[in-house]
């Protein structure tokens, strides 16, 4: 499996991980390299996984992936936001 980028914190001498964005393309490429599946099949697997997760979250279920994390939908009140492309102020609804 592909390791996350890391560095040694000079102050605490501990290993820390830099935040990184993982895209569908990263996941597809990792599956392709690790399992040797064709890229089209790897892409299909990633897409299927996300569709299953979206359906579960959309129906109100929580998703727990042991050793990784928990995904859940949180209900939030209306709040002000900003469109990152235009800079326009908008109201974000639930």
N, C-alpha and C. Protein backbone atom coordinates (compact mmCIF):
# COMPACT_ATOMS: atom_id res chain seq x y z
N UNK A 1 0.84 -1.18 0.00
CA UNK A 1 0.00 0.00 0.00
C UNK A 1 0.88 1.24 0.00
N UNK A 2 0.45 2.29 -0.65
CA UNK A 2 1.21 3.52 -0.75
C UNK A 2 1.23 4.23 0.59
N UNK A 3 2.41 4.62 1.04
CA UNK A 3 2.55 5.30 2.33
C UNK A 3 2.21 6.77 2.19
N UNK A 4 1.71 7.35 3.26
CA UNK A 4 1.44 8.78 3.29
C UNK A 4 2.74 9.54 3.47
N UNK A 5 2.84 10.75 2.90
CA UNK A 5 4.06 11.54 3.10
C UNK A 5 4.20 11.92 4.57
N UNK A 6 5.40 11.87 5.08
CA UNK A 6 5.61 12.19 6.48
C UNK A 6 6.92 12.95 6.66
N UNK A 7 7.08 13.52 7.82
CA UNK A 7 8.30 14.22 8.15
C UNK A 7 8.53 14.10 9.65
N UNK A 8 9.75 14.37 10.08
CA UNK A 8 10.09 14.34 11.50
C UNK A 8 10.00 15.77 12.03
N UNK A 9 9.19 15.96 13.07
CA UNK A 9 9.07 17.26 13.72
C UNK A 9 10.34 17.47 14.53
N UNK A 10 11.11 18.50 14.19
CA UNK A 10 12.40 18.75 14.84
C UNK A 10 12.25 19.06 16.32
N UNK A 11 11.13 19.67 16.72
CA UNK A 11 10.93 20.05 18.12
C UNK A 11 10.61 18.85 18.98
N UNK A 12 9.67 18.03 18.54
CA UNK A 12 9.22 16.90 19.36
C UNK A 12 9.89 15.58 18.99
N UNK A 13 10.63 15.57 17.88
CA UNK A 13 11.28 14.37 17.37
C UNK A 13 10.27 13.25 17.06
N UNK A 14 9.02 13.63 16.79
CA UNK A 14 8.02 12.62 16.46
C UNK A 14 7.70 12.68 14.98
N UNK A 15 7.23 11.57 14.45
CA UNK A 15 6.87 11.52 13.04
C UNK A 15 5.47 12.10 12.88
N UNK A 16 5.30 12.98 11.92
CA UNK A 16 4.01 13.58 11.65
C UNK A 16 3.68 13.39 10.18
N UNK A 17 2.39 13.35 9.89
CA UNK A 17 1.95 13.18 8.52
C UNK A 17 1.43 14.49 7.96
N UNK A 18 1.87 14.81 6.76
CA UNK A 18 1.37 15.99 6.09
C UNK A 18 -0.01 15.68 5.52
N UNK A 19 -0.93 16.63 5.61
CA UNK A 19 -2.25 16.38 5.02
C UNK A 19 -2.12 16.25 3.51
N UNK A 20 -2.91 15.35 2.94
CA UNK A 20 -2.86 15.18 1.50
C UNK A 20 -4.26 14.87 0.99
N UNK A 21 -4.55 15.35 -0.18
CA UNK A 21 -5.83 15.05 -0.80
C UNK A 21 -5.70 13.75 -1.56
N UNK A 22 -6.58 12.83 -1.28
CA UNK A 22 -6.59 11.57 -2.01
C UNK A 22 -7.79 11.60 -2.95
N UNK A 23 -7.52 11.47 -4.23
CA UNK A 23 -8.57 11.54 -5.24
C UNK A 23 -8.96 10.13 -5.70
N UNK A 24 -10.04 10.06 -6.48
CA UNK A 24 -10.43 8.78 -7.07
C UNK A 24 -9.29 8.25 -7.94
N UNK A 25 -8.59 9.15 -8.61
CA UNK A 25 -7.47 8.74 -9.45
C UNK A 25 -6.35 8.12 -8.62
N UNK A 26 -6.06 8.69 -7.42
CA UNK A 26 -5.05 8.09 -6.53
C UNK A 26 -5.47 6.69 -6.12
N UNK A 27 -6.73 6.56 -5.71
CA UNK A 27 -7.22 5.25 -5.26
C UNK A 27 -7.19 4.23 -6.40
N UNK A 28 -7.65 4.67 -7.57
CA UNK A 28 -7.65 3.78 -8.74
C UNK A 28 -6.25 3.32 -9.06
N UNK A 29 -5.29 4.24 -9.06
CA UNK A 29 -3.90 3.91 -9.37
C UNK A 29 -3.31 2.97 -8.33
N UNK A 30 -3.65 3.17 -7.04
CA UNK A 30 -3.15 2.28 -5.98
C UNK A 30 -3.68 0.87 -6.15
N UNK A 31 -4.97 0.75 -6.47
CA UNK A 31 -5.55 -0.59 -6.69
C UNK A 31 -4.90 -1.24 -7.90
N UNK A 32 -4.73 -0.47 -8.96
CA UNK A 32 -4.09 -0.97 -10.18
C UNK A 32 -2.69 -1.52 -9.87
N UNK A 33 -1.91 -0.75 -9.11
CA UNK A 33 -0.53 -1.16 -8.81
C UNK A 33 -0.47 -2.31 -7.81
N UNK A 34 -1.29 -2.25 -6.76
CA UNK A 34 -1.22 -3.25 -5.68
C UNK A 34 -1.84 -4.59 -6.09
N UNK A 35 -2.95 -4.55 -6.81
CA UNK A 35 -3.67 -5.78 -7.15
C UNK A 35 -3.46 -6.24 -8.58
N UNK A 36 -2.91 -5.36 -9.41
CA UNK A 36 -2.67 -5.72 -10.79
C UNK A 36 -3.93 -5.80 -11.65
N UNK A 37 -5.00 -5.20 -11.18
CA UNK A 37 -6.23 -5.19 -11.97
C UNK A 37 -6.12 -4.15 -13.08
N UNK A 38 -6.84 -4.33 -14.18
CA UNK A 38 -6.83 -3.29 -15.21
C UNK A 38 -7.35 -1.97 -14.63
N UNK A 39 -6.88 -0.86 -15.19
CA UNK A 39 -7.28 0.45 -14.67
C UNK A 39 -8.79 0.64 -14.75
N UNK A 40 -9.42 0.15 -15.81
CA UNK A 40 -10.87 0.33 -15.94
C UNK A 40 -11.60 -0.42 -14.83
N UNK A 41 -11.12 -1.59 -14.48
CA UNK A 41 -11.73 -2.38 -13.39
C UNK A 41 -11.45 -1.71 -12.05
N UNK A 42 -10.25 -1.20 -11.86
CA UNK A 42 -9.89 -0.49 -10.62
C UNK A 42 -10.77 0.74 -10.45
N UNK A 43 -10.98 1.49 -11.53
CA UNK A 43 -11.83 2.67 -11.48
C UNK A 43 -13.26 2.28 -11.14
N UNK A 44 -13.73 1.17 -11.71
CA UNK A 44 -15.07 0.68 -11.41
C UNK A 44 -15.24 0.30 -9.95
N UNK A 45 -14.23 -0.31 -9.36
CA UNK A 45 -14.29 -0.69 -7.95
C UNK A 45 -14.38 0.53 -7.05
N UNK A 46 -13.58 1.54 -7.34
CA UNK A 46 -13.60 2.77 -6.55
C UNK A 46 -14.97 3.44 -6.68
N UNK A 47 -15.48 3.51 -7.89
CA UNK A 47 -16.80 4.11 -8.12
C UNK A 47 -17.89 3.36 -7.40
N UNK A 48 -17.85 2.03 -7.44
CA UNK A 48 -18.85 1.21 -6.75
C UNK A 48 -18.80 1.42 -5.25
N UNK A 49 -17.60 1.49 -4.70
CA UNK A 49 -17.45 1.73 -3.26
C UNK A 49 -18.10 3.05 -2.86
N UNK A 50 -17.82 4.10 -3.62
CA UNK A 50 -18.40 5.41 -3.29
C UNK A 50 -19.91 5.42 -3.47
N UNK A 51 -20.43 4.72 -4.46
CA UNK A 51 -21.88 4.65 -4.66
C UNK A 51 -22.55 3.95 -3.48
N UNK A 52 -21.94 2.87 -2.99
CA UNK A 52 -22.46 2.15 -1.83
C UNK A 52 -22.45 3.07 -0.61
N UNK A 53 -21.36 3.80 -0.42
CA UNK A 53 -21.26 4.71 0.72
C UNK A 53 -22.29 5.84 0.61
N UNK A 54 -22.44 6.42 -0.58
CA UNK A 54 -23.42 7.50 -0.77
C UNK A 54 -24.83 7.02 -0.48
N UNK A 55 -25.16 5.81 -0.94
CA UNK A 55 -26.50 5.28 -0.71
C UNK A 55 -26.75 5.07 0.78
N UNK A 56 -25.78 4.51 1.48
CA UNK A 56 -25.93 4.27 2.92
C UNK A 56 -26.07 5.58 3.68
N UNK A 57 -25.22 6.54 3.39
CA UNK A 57 -25.29 7.83 4.07
C UNK A 57 -26.59 8.56 3.71
N UNK A 58 -27.01 8.45 2.47
CA UNK A 58 -28.24 9.09 2.02
C UNK A 58 -29.48 8.54 2.69
N UNK A 59 -29.42 7.29 3.11
CA UNK A 59 -30.57 6.68 3.79
C UNK A 59 -30.48 6.82 5.31
N UNK A 60 -29.50 7.60 5.78
CA UNK A 60 -29.40 7.88 7.21
C UNK A 60 -28.51 6.93 8.00
N UNK A 61 -27.88 6.00 7.33
CA UNK A 61 -26.99 5.05 8.03
C UNK A 61 -25.62 5.68 8.25
N UNK A 62 -24.95 5.27 9.31
CA UNK A 62 -23.56 5.62 9.53
C UNK A 62 -22.70 4.52 8.93
N UNK A 63 -21.48 4.86 8.55
CA UNK A 63 -20.54 3.87 8.00
C UNK A 63 -19.33 3.82 8.92
N UNK A 64 -19.00 2.65 9.41
CA UNK A 64 -17.81 2.45 10.23
C UNK A 64 -16.87 1.52 9.49
N UNK A 65 -15.68 2.01 9.20
CA UNK A 65 -14.64 1.17 8.61
C UNK A 65 -13.61 0.95 9.71
N UNK A 66 -13.62 -0.25 10.28
CA UNK A 66 -12.75 -0.55 11.42
C UNK A 66 -11.29 -0.24 11.09
N UNK A 67 -10.63 0.42 12.01
CA UNK A 67 -9.23 0.76 11.84
C UNK A 67 -9.02 1.98 10.97
N UNK A 68 -10.11 2.59 10.49
CA UNK A 68 -9.97 3.76 9.63
C UNK A 68 -10.78 4.95 10.12
N UNK A 69 -12.10 4.77 10.24
CA UNK A 69 -12.90 5.90 10.68
C UNK A 69 -14.39 5.68 10.51
N UNK A 70 -15.14 6.68 10.96
CA UNK A 70 -16.60 6.62 10.89
C UNK A 70 -17.08 7.78 10.03
N UNK A 71 -18.04 7.50 9.18
CA UNK A 71 -18.65 8.51 8.32
C UNK A 71 -20.11 8.64 8.71
N UNK A 72 -20.59 9.87 8.87
CA UNK A 72 -21.99 10.10 9.17
C UNK A 72 -22.39 11.46 8.63
N UNK A 73 -23.68 11.61 8.40
CA UNK A 73 -24.22 12.87 7.92
C UNK A 73 -24.66 13.68 9.13
N UNK A 74 -24.21 14.91 9.21
CA UNK A 74 -24.60 15.78 10.31
C UNK A 74 -25.56 16.84 9.78
N UNK A 75 -26.60 17.09 10.55
CA UNK A 75 -27.54 18.14 10.20
C UNK A 75 -27.03 19.44 10.80
N UNK A 76 -26.92 20.47 9.97
CA UNK A 76 -26.43 21.76 10.43
C UNK A 76 -27.48 22.83 10.16
N UNK A 77 -27.45 23.87 10.96
CA UNK A 77 -28.34 25.00 10.74
C UNK A 77 -27.88 25.79 9.52
N UNK A 78 -28.80 26.61 8.98
CA UNK A 78 -28.42 27.51 7.91
C UNK A 78 -27.27 28.40 8.36
N UNK A 79 -26.39 28.72 7.42
CA UNK A 79 -25.28 29.59 7.76
C UNK A 79 -24.80 30.32 6.51
N UNK A 80 -24.05 31.37 6.72
CA UNK A 80 -23.50 32.12 5.61
C UNK A 80 -22.27 31.41 5.08
N UNK A 81 -22.09 31.47 3.79
CA UNK A 81 -20.93 30.89 3.16
C UNK A 81 -20.50 31.75 1.99
N UNK A 82 -19.52 31.26 1.26
CA UNK A 82 -19.02 32.00 0.11
C UNK A 82 -18.71 31.02 -1.00
N UNK A 83 -19.15 31.35 -2.21
CA UNK A 83 -18.82 30.56 -3.39
C UNK A 83 -17.33 30.74 -3.66
N UNK A 84 -16.54 29.65 -3.60
CA UNK A 84 -15.09 29.80 -3.76
C UNK A 84 -14.67 30.24 -5.16
N UNK A 85 -15.52 29.99 -6.16
CA UNK A 85 -15.17 30.39 -7.52
C UNK A 85 -15.45 31.87 -7.79
N UNK A 86 -16.58 32.35 -7.27
CA UNK A 86 -16.99 33.72 -7.58
C UNK A 86 -16.78 34.69 -6.42
N UNK A 87 -16.63 34.17 -5.21
CA UNK A 87 -16.51 35.03 -4.04
C UNK A 87 -17.85 35.56 -3.55
N UNK A 88 -18.93 35.15 -4.21
CA UNK A 88 -20.28 35.62 -3.86
C UNK A 88 -20.72 35.04 -2.52
N UNK A 89 -21.31 35.90 -1.67
CA UNK A 89 -21.87 35.44 -0.41
C UNK A 89 -23.16 34.66 -0.68
N UNK A 90 -23.33 33.54 0.00
CA UNK A 90 -24.53 32.71 -0.19
C UNK A 90 -24.99 32.19 1.17
N UNK A 91 -26.22 31.73 1.21
CA UNK A 91 -26.76 31.08 2.41
C UNK A 91 -26.70 29.57 2.18
N UNK A 92 -26.02 28.87 3.05
CA UNK A 92 -25.94 27.41 2.97
C UNK A 92 -27.10 26.83 3.77
N UNK A 93 -27.94 26.10 3.09
CA UNK A 93 -29.09 25.49 3.74
C UNK A 93 -28.77 24.06 4.11
N UNK A 94 -29.60 23.52 4.99
CA UNK A 94 -29.40 22.13 5.43
C UNK A 94 -29.41 21.18 4.31
